[in-house]
Structure formats: structure tokens, C-alpha cells
Amino acid sequence: MSTPTNHEKARSVLELEVNNHPGVMSHVCGLFSRRAFNVEGILCMPIGDGRRSRIWLLVNEDERLDNMVKQLHKLEDVLEVSRHGTEHRVFTQLEEYFRA
């Protein structure tokens, strides 16, 4: 991903480890939707034996993002939240793959 220009917003990648069962993605996306916070990209994959999943969210940086991370921690099925810059390999590799 490229460095943002003046008219582009900086982005972050949120990496979540969650319990894997129906409705978890809906709860995560609902949190963003209720706060009118757009998610630019989503990737979700099961990990280990499939009882847990990893969700990556590509989001625009703004003053509400720290609060969004705090709210994610409060969701029952969210076990861990990490915040990365856009250089995080998951979205850069996808972008490279689709450009090829």
C-alpha cells in the first residue's frame, strides 16, 4: 500500500482473534456500523482446530479509532486485538496478488 497523500486518509489494520461461531462477524461489523465507522477491507480465516478465527480489518485512521479498539475488547467473543500500520503483510500481499 502506498503512503497516503493529502487527500487520502491514513489507514490501520486491526487484527482480532475471536471465537469461531455464527454471529461473531455480525457483532464485530455491527460495532463499526452503529458508530458509522467504515471498514475498507475484511479478511477472516479459521486458526488451529477451527474453534477460533483471525479477522483482519482495514480501517481509516481517525480520532475515534482508539475508542473502537476499546469497544472491540468489550465484545464477548473477541479474545485479542492488535493494531498494525498498513504495511502489515496480510493486506499488502493481497493487494500485490490482485495487481498481478
PDB file of N, CA and C in Angstrom:
ATOM      1  N   MET A   1       0.835  -1.154   0.000  1.00  0.00           N
ATOM      2  CA  MET A   1       0.000   0.000   0.000  1.00  0.00           C
ATOM      3  C   MET A   1       0.888   1.227   0.000  1.00  0.00           C
ATOM      4  N   SER A   2       0.427   2.243  -0.598  1.00  0.00           N
ATOM      5  CA  SER A   2       1.252   3.437  -0.744  1.00  0.00           C
ATOM      6  C   SER A   2       1.081   4.371   0.446  1.00  0.00           C
ATOM      7  N   THR A   3       1.997   5.319   0.555  1.00  0.00           N
ATOM      8  CA  THR A   3       1.913   6.348   1.583  1.00  0.00           C
ATOM      9  C   THR A   3       0.763   7.279   1.239  1.00  0.00           C
ATOM     10  N   PRO A   4      -0.071   7.651   2.232  1.00  0.00           N
ATOM     11  CA  PRO A   4      -1.221   8.495   1.923  1.00  0.00           C
ATOM     12  C   PRO A   4      -0.803   9.897   1.480  1.00  0.00           C
ATOM     13  N   THR A   5      -1.541  10.427   0.513  1.00  0.00           N
ATOM     14  CA  THR A   5      -1.346  11.806   0.085  1.00  0.00           C
ATOM     15  C   THR A   5      -2.258  12.687   0.929  1.00  0.00           C
ATOM     16  N   ASN A   6      -2.239  13.983   0.669  1.00  0.00           N
ATOM     17  CA  ASN A   6      -3.044  14.907   1.466  1.00  0.00           C
ATOM     18  C   ASN A   6      -4.530  14.605   1.429  1.00  0.00           C
ATOM     19  N   HIS A   7      -5.052  14.098   0.295  1.00  0.00           N
ATOM     20  CA  HIS A   7      -6.484  13.848   0.206  1.00  0.00           C
ATOM     21  C   HIS A   7      -6.859  12.418   0.612  1.00  0.00           C
ATOM     22  N   GLU A   8      -5.861  11.566   0.883  1.00  0.00           N
ATOM     23  CA  GLU A   8      -6.134  10.211   1.336  1.00  0.00           C
ATOM     24  C   GLU A   8      -5.970  10.143   2.849  1.00  0.00           C
ATOM     25  N   LYS A   9      -6.743   9.257   3.479  1.00  0.00           N
ATOM     26  CA  LYS A   9      -6.636   9.086   4.921  1.00  0.00           C
ATOM     27  C   LYS A   9      -5.624   7.989   5.232  1.00  0.00           C
ATOM     28  N   ALA A  10      -4.932   8.150   6.348  1.00  0.00           N
ATOM     29  CA  ALA A  10      -4.052   7.097   6.835  1.00  0.00           C
ATOM     30  C   ALA A  10      -4.919   5.910   7.244  1.00  0.00           C
ATOM     31  N   ARG A  11      -4.363   4.725   7.134  1.00  0.00           N
ATOM     32  CA  ARG A  11      -5.118   3.512   7.468  1.00  0.00           C
ATOM     33  C   ARG A  11      -4.374   2.686   8.505  1.00  0.00           C
ATOM     34  N   SER A  12      -5.131   1.834   9.165  1.00  0.00           N
ATOM     35  CA  SER A  12      -4.590   0.866  10.116  1.00  0.00           C
ATOM     36  C   SER A  12      -5.207  -0.487   9.823  1.00  0.00           C
ATOM     37  N   VAL A  13      -4.507  -1.522  10.260  1.00  0.00           N
ATOM     38  CA  VAL A  13      -5.029  -2.880  10.191  1.00  0.00           C
ATOM     39  C   VAL A  13      -5.273  -3.327  11.629  1.00  0.00           C
ATOM     40  N   LEU A  14      -6.498  -3.729  11.912  1.00  0.00           N
ATOM     41  CA  LEU A  14      -6.838  -4.306  13.208  1.00  0.00           C
ATOM     42  C   LEU A  14      -6.876  -5.816  13.046  1.00  0.00           C
ATOM     43  N   GLU A  15      -6.159  -6.509  13.902  1.00  0.00           N
ATOM     44  CA  GLU A  15      -6.100  -7.973  13.860  1.00  0.00           C
ATOM     45  C   GLU A  15      -6.789  -8.502  15.112  1.00  0.00           C
ATOM     46  N   LEU A  16      -7.847  -9.273  14.915  1.00  0.00           N
ATOM     47  CA  LEU A  16      -8.635  -9.785  16.032  1.00  0.00           C
ATOM     48  C   LEU A  16      -8.548 -11.304  16.071  1.00  0.00           C
ATOM     49  N   GLU A  17      -8.419 -11.854  17.252  1.00  0.00           N
ATOM     50  CA  GLU A  17      -8.608 -13.289  17.439  1.00  0.00           C
ATOM     51  C   GLU A  17      -9.946 -13.436  18.137  1.00  0.00           C
ATOM     52  N   VAL A  18     -10.818 -14.260  17.558  1.00  0.00           N
ATOM     53  CA  VAL A  18     -12.187 -14.370  18.050  1.00  0.00           C
ATOM     54  C   VAL A  18     -12.591 -15.833  18.159  1.00  0.00           C
ATOM     55  N   ASN A  19     -13.614 -16.088  18.978  1.00  0.00           N
ATOM     56  CA  ASN A  19     -14.235 -17.402  18.976  1.00  0.00           C
ATOM     57  C   ASN A  19     -14.938 -17.572  17.636  1.00  0.00           C
ATOM     58  N   ASN A  20     -14.861 -18.760  17.070  1.00  0.00           N
ATOM     59  CA  ASN A  20     -15.420 -19.011  15.749  1.00  0.00           C
ATOM     60  C   ASN A  20     -16.773 -19.705  15.883  1.00  0.00           C
ATOM     61  N   HIS A  21     -17.821 -18.916  15.785  1.00  0.00           N
ATOM     62  CA  HIS A  21     -19.177 -19.469  15.733  1.00  0.00           C
ATOM     63  C   HIS A  21     -20.095 -18.456  15.045  1.00  0.00           C
ATOM     64  N   PRO A  22     -21.271 -18.897  14.604  1.00  0.00           N
ATOM     65  CA  PRO A  22     -22.163 -17.985  13.883  1.00  0.00           C
ATOM     66  C   PRO A  22     -22.494 -16.734  14.696  1.00  0.00           C
ATOM     67  N   GLY A  23     -22.445 -15.600  14.033  1.00  0.00           N
ATOM     68  CA  GLY A  23     -22.823 -14.330  14.636  1.00  0.00           C
ATOM     69  C   GLY A  23     -21.670 -13.457  15.086  1.00  0.00           C
ATOM     70  N   VAL A  24     -20.459 -14.022  15.198  1.00  0.00           N
ATOM     71  CA  VAL A  24     -19.331 -13.234  15.682  1.00  0.00           C
ATOM     72  C   VAL A  24     -18.994 -12.108  14.707  1.00  0.00           C
ATOM     73  N   MET A  25     -18.913 -12.414  13.414  1.00  0.00           N
ATOM     74  CA  MET A  25     -18.611 -11.379  12.424  1.00  0.00           C
ATOM     75  C   MET A  25     -19.692 -10.305  12.434  1.00  0.00           C
ATOM     76  N   SER A  26     -20.920 -10.709  12.615  1.00  0.00           N
ATOM     77  CA  SER A  26     -22.024  -9.751  12.679  1.00  0.00           C
ATOM     78  C   SER A  26     -21.856  -8.806  13.870  1.00  0.00           C
ATOM     79  N   HIS A  27     -21.427  -9.325  15.004  1.00  0.00           N
ATOM     80  CA  HIS A  27     -21.215  -8.480  16.185  1.00  0.00           C
ATOM     81  C   HIS A  27     -20.078  -7.488  15.954  1.00  0.00           C
ATOM     82  N   VAL A  28     -19.000  -7.970  15.346  1.00  0.00           N
ATOM     83  CA  VAL A  28     -17.853  -7.094  15.073  1.00  0.00           C
ATOM     84  C   VAL A  28     -18.255  -6.005  14.078  1.00  0.00           C
ATOM     85  N   CYS A  29     -18.854  -6.407  12.973  1.00  0.00           N
ATOM     86  CA  CYS A  29     -19.261  -5.421  11.952  1.00  0.00           C
ATOM     87  C   CYS A  29     -20.348  -4.488  12.476  1.00  0.00           C
ATOM     88  N   GLY A  30     -21.234  -5.007  13.311  1.00  0.00           N
ATOM     89  CA  GLY A  30     -22.287  -4.183  13.896  1.00  0.00           C
ATOM     90  C   GLY A  30     -21.732  -3.070  14.765  1.00  0.00           C
ATOM     91  N   LEU A  31     -20.646  -3.373  15.474  1.00  0.00           N
ATOM     92  CA  LEU A  31     -19.995  -2.361  16.300  1.00  0.00           C
ATOM     93  C   LEU A  31     -19.549  -1.177  15.447  1.00  0.00           C
ATOM     94  N   PHE A  32     -18.931  -1.473  14.303  1.00  0.00           N
ATOM     95  CA  PHE A  32     -18.484  -0.418  13.401  1.00  0.00           C
ATOM     96  C   PHE A  32     -19.671   0.288  12.758  1.00  0.00           C
ATOM     97  N   SER A  33     -20.671  -0.466  12.354  1.00  0.00           N
ATOM     98  CA  SER A  33     -21.844   0.096  11.688  1.00  0.00           C
ATOM     99  C   SER A  33     -22.603   1.062  12.597  1.00  0.00           C
ATOM    100  N   ARG A  34     -22.812   0.674  13.838  1.00  0.00           N
ATOM    101  CA  ARG A  34     -23.556   1.532  14.777  1.00  0.00           C
ATOM    102  C   ARG A  34     -22.865   2.866  15.007  1.00  0.00           C
ATOM    103  N   ARG A  35     -21.557   2.892  14.799  1.00  0.00           N
ATOM    104  CA  ARG A  35     -20.800   4.126  15.013  1.00  0.00           C
ATOM    105  C   ARG A  35     -20.440   4.819  13.699  1.00  0.00           C
ATOM    106  N   ALA A  36     -21.064   4.356  12.615  1.00  0.00           N
ATOM    107  CA  ALA A  36     -20.831   4.922  11.277  1.00  0.00           C
ATOM    108  C   ALA A  36     -19.344   4.968  10.940  1.00  0.00           C
ATOM    109  N   PHE A  37     -18.637   3.892  11.275  1.00  0.00           N
ATOM    110  CA  PHE A  37     -17.203   3.792  11.031  1.00  0.00           C
ATOM    111  C   PHE A  37     -17.006   2.785   9.910  1.00  0.00           C
ATOM    112  N   ASN A  38     -16.501   3.243   8.773  1.00  0.00           N
ATOM    113  CA  ASN A  38     -16.374   2.393   7.603  1.00  0.00           C
ATOM    114  C   ASN A  38     -15.190   1.432   7.725  1.00  0.00           C
ATOM    115  N   VAL A  39     -15.409   0.204   7.284  1.00  0.00           N
ATOM    116  CA  VAL A  39     -14.356  -0.803   7.188  1.00  0.00           C
ATOM    117  C   VAL A  39     -14.005  -0.934   5.708  1.00  0.00           C
ATOM    118  N   GLU A  40     -12.743  -0.679   5.367  1.00  0.00           N
ATOM    119  CA  GLU A  40     -12.296  -0.688   3.971  1.00  0.00           C
ATOM    120  C   GLU A  40     -12.016  -2.096   3.450  1.00  0.00           C
ATOM    121  N   GLY A  41     -11.634  -3.012   4.341  1.00  0.00           N
ATOM    122  CA  GLY A  41     -11.328  -4.381   3.930  1.00  0.00           C
ATOM    123  C   GLY A  41     -11.489  -5.332   5.097  1.00  0.00           C
ATOM    124  N   ILE A  42     -11.922  -6.567   4.791  1.00  0.00           N
ATOM    125  CA  ILE A  42     -12.110  -7.600   5.811  1.00  0.00           C
ATOM    126  C   ILE A  42     -11.550  -8.912   5.278  1.00  0.00           C
ATOM    127  N   LEU A  43     -10.825  -9.599   6.135  1.00  0.00           N
ATOM    128  CA  LEU A  43     -10.354 -10.944   5.821  1.00  0.00           C
ATOM    129  C   LEU A  43     -10.527 -11.761   7.082  1.00  0.00           C
ATOM    130  N   CYS A  44     -11.052 -12.980   6.952  1.00  0.00           N
ATOM    131  CA  CYS A  44     -11.277 -13.832   8.103  1.00  0.00           C
ATOM    132  C   CYS A  44     -10.889 -15.261   7.744  1.00  0.00           C
ATOM    133  N   MET A  45     -10.124 -15.903   8.637  1.00  0.00           N
ATOM    134  CA  MET A  45      -9.685 -17.288   8.416  1.00  0.00           C
ATOM    135  C   MET A  45      -9.722 -18.040   9.747  1.00  0.00           C
ATOM    136  N   PRO A  46     -10.137 -19.319   9.720  1.00  0.00           N
ATOM    137  CA  PRO A  46     -10.061 -20.106  10.950  1.00  0.00           C
ATOM    138  C   PRO A  46      -8.599 -20.383  11.305  1.00  0.00           C
ATOM    139  N   ILE A  47      -8.323 -20.539  12.583  1.00  0.00           N
ATOM    140  CA  ILE A  47      -6.969 -20.874  13.023  1.00  0.00           C
ATOM    141  C   ILE A  47      -7.022 -22.131  13.890  1.00  0.00           C
ATOM    142  N   GLY A  48      -5.915 -22.851  13.906  1.00  0.00           N
ATOM    143  CA  GLY A  48      -5.828 -24.058  14.728  1.00  0.00           C
ATOM    144  C   GLY A  48      -6.887 -25.073  14.362  1.00  0.00           C
ATOM    145  N   ASP A  49      -7.600 -25.532  15.361  1.00  0.00           N
ATOM    146  CA  ASP A  49      -8.621 -26.570  15.159  1.00  0.00           C
ATOM    147  C   ASP A  49      -9.964 -26.016  14.687  1.00  0.00           C
ATOM    148  N   GLY A  50     -10.035 -24.714  14.426  1.00  0.00           N
ATOM    149  CA  GLY A  50     -11.262 -24.102  13.908  1.00  0.00           C
ATOM    150  C   GLY A  50     -12.175 -23.537  14.969  1.00  0.00           C
ATOM    151  N   ARG A  51     -11.802 -23.671  16.240  1.00  0.00           N
ATOM    152  CA  ARG A  51     -12.642 -23.087  17.296  1.00  0.00           C
ATOM    153  C   ARG A  51     -12.449 -21.584  17.412  1.00  0.00           C
ATOM    154  N   ARG A  52     -11.375 -21.105  16.818  1.00  0.00           N
ATOM    155  CA  ARG A  52     -11.090 -19.668  16.804  1.00  0.00           C
ATOM    156  C   ARG A  52     -10.822 -19.221  15.374  1.00  0.00           C
ATOM    157  N   SER A  53     -10.978 -17.939  15.145  1.00  0.00           N
ATOM    158  CA  SER A  53     -10.681 -17.343  13.835  1.00  0.00           C
ATOM    159  C   SER A  53      -9.868 -16.093  14.040  1.00  0.00           C
ATOM    160  N   ARG A  54      -9.191 -15.694  12.983  1.00  0.00           N
ATOM    161  CA  ARG A  54      -8.484 -14.423  12.973  1.00  0.00           C
ATOM    162  C   ARG A  54      -9.189 -13.543  11.953  1.00  0.00           C
ATOM    163  N   ILE A  55      -9.507 -12.326  12.361  1.00  0.00           N
ATOM    164  CA  ILE A  55     -10.151 -11.345  11.493  1.00  0.00           C
ATOM    165  C   ILE A  55      -9.200 -10.165  11.352  1.00  0.00           C
ATOM    166  N   TRP A  56      -8.964  -9.753  10.114  1.00  0.00           N
ATOM    167  CA  TRP A  56      -8.180  -8.549   9.845  1.00  0.00           C
ATOM    168  C   TRP A  56      -9.128  -7.510   9.273  1.00  0.00           C
ATOM    169  N   LEU A  57      -9.099  -6.315   9.810  1.00  0.00           N
ATOM    170  CA  LEU A  57      -9.938  -5.216   9.347  1.00  0.00           C
ATOM    171  C   LEU A  57      -9.042  -4.076   8.900  1.00  0.00           C
ATOM    172  N   LEU A  58      -9.222  -3.620   7.678  1.00  0.00           N
ATOM    173  CA  LEU A  58      -8.513  -2.451   7.173  1.00  0.00           C
ATOM    174  C   LEU A  58      -9.435  -1.255   7.386  1.00  0.00           C
ATOM    175  N   VAL A  59      -8.986  -0.293   8.199  1.00  0.00           N
ATOM    176  CA  VAL A  59      -9.838   0.843   8.557  1.00  0.00           C
ATOM    177  C   VAL A  59      -9.075   2.150   8.372  1.00  0.00           C
ATOM    178  N   ASN A  60      -9.812   3.217   8.144  1.00  0.00           N
ATOM    179  CA  ASN A  60      -9.223   4.554   8.083  1.00  0.00           C
ATOM    180  C   ASN A  60      -8.928   5.035   9.493  1.00  0.00           C
ATOM    181  N   GLU A  61      -7.808   5.720   9.633  1.00  0.00           N
ATOM    182  CA  GLU A  61      -7.452   6.329  10.918  1.00  0.00           C
ATOM    183  C   GLU A  61      -8.314   7.571  11.124  1.00  0.00           C
ATOM    184  N   ASP A  62      -8.888   7.700  12.273  1.00  0.00           N
ATOM    185  CA  ASP A  62      -9.489   8.963  12.685  1.00  0.00           C
ATOM    186  C   ASP A  62      -9.530   8.992  14.205  1.00  0.00           C
ATOM    187  N   GLU A  63     -10.019  10.073  14.756  1.00  0.00           N
ATOM    188  CA  GLU A  63      -9.966  10.270  16.204  1.00  0.00           C
ATOM    189  C   GLU A  63     -10.776   9.233  16.982  1.00  0.00           C
ATOM    190  N   ARG A  64     -11.654   8.496  16.321  1.00  0.00           N
ATOM    191  CA  ARG A  64     -12.495   7.509  17.010  1.00  0.00           C
ATOM    192  C   ARG A  64     -11.859   6.129  17.092  1.00  0.00           C
ATOM    193  N   LEU A  65     -10.747   5.917  16.390  1.00  0.00           N
ATOM    194  CA  LEU A  65     -10.200   4.562  16.278  1.00  0.00           C
ATOM    195  C   LEU A  65      -9.768   3.981  17.626  1.00  0.00           C
ATOM    196  N   ASP A  66      -9.143   4.775  18.475  1.00  0.00           N
ATOM    197  CA  ASP A  66      -8.753   4.257  19.795  1.00  0.00           C
ATOM    198  C   ASP A  66      -9.977   3.768  20.571  1.00  0.00           C
ATOM    199  N   ASN A  67     -11.057   4.517  20.498  1.00  0.00           N
ATOM    200  CA  ASN A  67     -12.287   4.099  21.175  1.00  0.00           C
ATOM    201  C   ASN A  67     -12.867   2.833  20.546  1.00  0.00           C
ATOM    202  N   MET A  68     -12.764   2.707  19.232  1.00  0.00           N
ATOM    203  CA  MET A  68     -13.259   1.494  18.562  1.00  0.00           C
ATOM    204  C   MET A  68     -12.496   0.266  19.060  1.00  0.00           C
ATOM    205  N   VAL A  69     -11.188   0.406  19.218  1.00  0.00           N
ATOM    206  CA  VAL A  69     -10.384  -0.712  19.723  1.00  0.00           C
ATOM    207  C   VAL A  69     -10.819  -1.075  21.143  1.00  0.00           C
ATOM    208  N   LYS A  70     -11.078  -0.086  21.981  1.00  0.00           N
ATOM    209  CA  LYS A  70     -11.564  -0.355  23.339  1.00  0.00           C
ATOM    210  C   LYS A  70     -12.902  -1.079  23.307  1.00  0.00           C
ATOM    211  N   GLN A  71     -13.781  -0.664  22.399  1.00  0.00           N
ATOM    212  CA  GLN A  71     -15.089  -1.309  22.281  1.00  0.00           C
ATOM    213  C   GLN A  71     -14.958  -2.756  21.779  1.00  0.00           C
ATOM    214  N   LEU A  72     -14.017  -3.004  20.866  1.00  0.00           N
ATOM    215  CA  LEU A  72     -13.788  -4.371  20.391  1.00  0.00           C
ATOM    216  C   LEU A  72     -13.384  -5.287  21.542  1.00  0.00           C
ATOM    217  N   HIS A  73     -12.530  -4.793  22.438  1.00  0.00           N
ATOM    218  CA  HIS A  73     -12.099  -5.585  23.596  1.00  0.00           C
ATOM    219  C   HIS A  73     -13.283  -5.992  24.473  1.00  0.00           C
ATOM    220  N   LYS A  74     -14.350  -5.204  24.458  1.00  0.00           N
ATOM    221  CA  LYS A  74     -15.508  -5.485  25.297  1.00  0.00           C
ATOM    222  C   LYS A  74     -16.434  -6.554  24.725  1.00  0.00           C
ATOM    223  N   LEU A  75     -16.300  -6.855  23.423  1.00  0.00           N
ATOM    224  CA  LEU A  75     -17.159  -7.879  22.833  1.00  0.00           C
ATOM    225  C   LEU A  75     -16.784  -9.246  23.406  1.00  0.00           C
ATOM    226  N   GLU A  76     -17.792 -10.006  23.793  1.00  0.00           N
ATOM    227  CA  GLU A  76     -17.595 -11.292  24.466  1.00  0.00           C
ATOM    228  C   GLU A  76     -16.702 -12.259  23.695  1.00  0.00           C
ATOM    229  N   ASP A  77     -16.871 -12.352  22.403  1.00  0.00           N
ATOM    230  CA  ASP A  77     -16.141 -13.337  21.609  1.00  0.00           C
ATOM    231  C   ASP A  77     -14.813 -12.839  21.056  1.00  0.00           C
ATOM    232  N   VAL A  78     -14.467 -11.594  21.318  1.00  0.00           N
ATOM    233  CA  VAL A  78     -13.169 -11.072  20.886  1.00  0.00           C
ATOM    234  C   VAL A  78     -12.161 -11.369  21.987  1.00  0.00           C
ATOM    235  N   LEU A  79     -11.156 -12.177  21.659  1.00  0.00           N
ATOM    236  CA  LEU A  79     -10.183 -12.625  22.642  1.00  0.00           C
ATOM    237  C   LEU A  79      -8.935 -11.755  22.671  1.00  0.00           C
ATOM    238  N   GLU A  80      -8.598 -11.168  21.514  1.00  0.00           N
ATOM    239  CA  GLU A  80      -7.375 -10.385  21.409  1.00  0.00           C
ATOM    240  C   GLU A  80      -7.525  -9.376  20.276  1.00  0.00           C
ATOM    241  N   VAL A  81      -6.966  -8.183  20.443  1.00  0.00           N
ATOM    242  CA  VAL A  81      -6.977  -7.153  19.405  1.00  0.00           C
ATOM    243  C   VAL A  81      -5.578  -6.572  19.285  1.00  0.00           C
ATOM    244  N   SER A  82      -5.051  -6.539  18.056  1.00  0.00           N
ATOM    245  CA  SER A  82      -3.760  -5.905  17.778  1.00  0.00           C
ATOM    246  C   SER A  82      -3.968  -4.867  16.698  1.00  0.00           C
ATOM    247  N   ARG A  83      -3.216  -3.780  16.788  1.00  0.00           N
ATOM    248  CA  ARG A  83      -3.317  -2.700  15.798  1.00  0.00           C
ATOM    249  C   ARG A  83      -1.990  -2.585  15.064  1.00  0.00           C
ATOM    250  N   HIS A  84      -2.066  -2.565  13.730  1.00  0.00           N
ATOM    251  CA  HIS A  84      -0.875  -2.504  12.883  1.00  0.00           C
ATOM    252  C   HIS A  84      -1.020  -1.364  11.885  1.00  0.00           C
ATOM    253  N   GLY A  85       0.102  -0.943  11.322  1.00  0.00           N
ATOM    254  CA  GLY A  85       0.078   0.007  10.215  1.00  0.00           C
ATOM    255  C   GLY A  85      -0.302  -0.714   8.926  1.00  0.00           C
ATOM    256  N   THR A  86      -0.476   0.038   7.860  1.00  0.00           N
ATOM    257  CA  THR A  86      -0.892  -0.573   6.588  1.00  0.00           C
ATOM    258  C   THR A  86       0.197  -1.409   5.945  1.00  0.00           C
ATOM    259  N   GLU A  87       1.413  -1.360   6.492  1.00  0.00           N
ATOM    260  CA  GLU A  87       2.472  -2.206   5.961  1.00  0.00           C
ATOM    261  C   GLU A  87       2.271  -3.666   6.391  1.00  0.00           C
ATOM    262  N   HIS A  88       1.276  -3.927   7.238  1.00  0.00           N
ATOM    263  CA  HIS A  88       1.012  -5.303   7.683  1.00  0.00           C
ATOM    264  C   HIS A  88       0.838  -6.215   6.476  1.00  0.00           C
ATOM    265  N   ARG A  89       1.488  -7.323   6.492  1.00  0.00           N
ATOM    266  CA  ARG A  89       1.607  -8.182   5.312  1.00  0.00           C
ATOM    267  C   ARG A  89       0.289  -8.720   4.759  1.00  0.00           C
ATOM    268  N   VAL A  90      -0.739  -8.874   5.574  1.00  0.00           N
ATOM    269  CA  VAL A  90      -1.961  -9.513   5.084  1.00  0.00           C
ATOM    270  C   VAL A  90      -2.602  -8.722   3.944  1.00  0.00           C
ATOM    271  N   PHE A  91      -2.724  -7.411   4.080  1.00  0.00           N
ATOM    272  CA  PHE A  91      -3.351  -6.634   3.021  1.00  0.00           C
ATOM    273  C   PHE A  91      -2.367  -6.262   1.917  1.00  0.00           C
ATOM    274  N   THR A  92      -1.090  -6.088   2.235  1.00  0.00           N
ATOM    275  CA  THR A  92      -0.117  -5.785   1.180  1.00  0.00           C
ATOM    276  C   THR A  92       0.044  -6.974   0.251  1.00  0.00           C
ATOM    277  N   GLN A  93       0.042  -8.189   0.788  1.00  0.00           N
ATOM    278  CA  GLN A  93       0.148  -9.375  -0.059  1.00  0.00           C
ATOM    279  C   GLN A  93      -1.093  -9.551  -0.916  1.00  0.00           C
ATOM    280  N   LEU A  94      -2.260  -9.295  -0.372  1.00  0.00           N
ATOM    281  CA  LEU A  94      -3.487  -9.378  -1.171  1.00  0.00           C
ATOM    282  C   LEU A  94      -3.484  -8.354  -2.297  1.00  0.00           C
ATOM    283  N   GLU A  95      -3.069  -7.132  -1.960  1.00  0.00           N
ATOM    284  CA  GLU A  95      -3.026  -6.079  -2.981  1.00  0.00           C
ATOM    285  C   GLU A  95      -2.065  -6.467  -4.100  1.00  0.00           C
ATOM    286  N   GLU A  96      -0.904  -6.998  -3.747  1.00  0.00           N
ATOM    287  CA  GLU A  96       0.074  -7.429  -4.758  1.00  0.00           C
ATOM    288  C   GLU A  96      -0.490  -8.564  -5.608  1.00  0.00           C
ATOM    289  N   TYR A  97      -1.176  -9.500  -4.978  1.00  0.00           N
ATOM    290  CA  TYR A  97      -1.762 -10.633  -5.696  1.00  0.00           C
ATOM    291  C   TYR A  97      -2.784 -10.158  -6.729  1.00  0.00           C
ATOM    292  N   PHE A  98      -3.649  -9.238  -6.344  1.00  0.00           N
ATOM    293  CA  PHE A  98      -4.691  -8.802  -7.262  1.00  0.00           C
ATOM    294  C   PHE A  98      -4.189  -7.833  -8.324  1.00  0.00           C
ATOM    295  N   ARG A  99      -3.018  -7.243  -8.125  1.00  0.00           N
ATOM    296  CA  ARG A  99      -2.422  -6.388  -9.152  1.00  0.00           C
ATOM    297  C   ARG A  99      -1.726  -7.217 -10.214  1.00  0.00           C
ATOM    298  N   ALA A 100      -1.338  -8.444  -9.862  1.00  0.00           N
ATOM    299  CA  ALA A 100      -0.591  -9.293 -10.794  1.00  0.00           C
ATOM    300  C   ALA A 100      -1.447  -9.807 -11.927  1.00  0.00           C
TER     301      ALA A 100
END
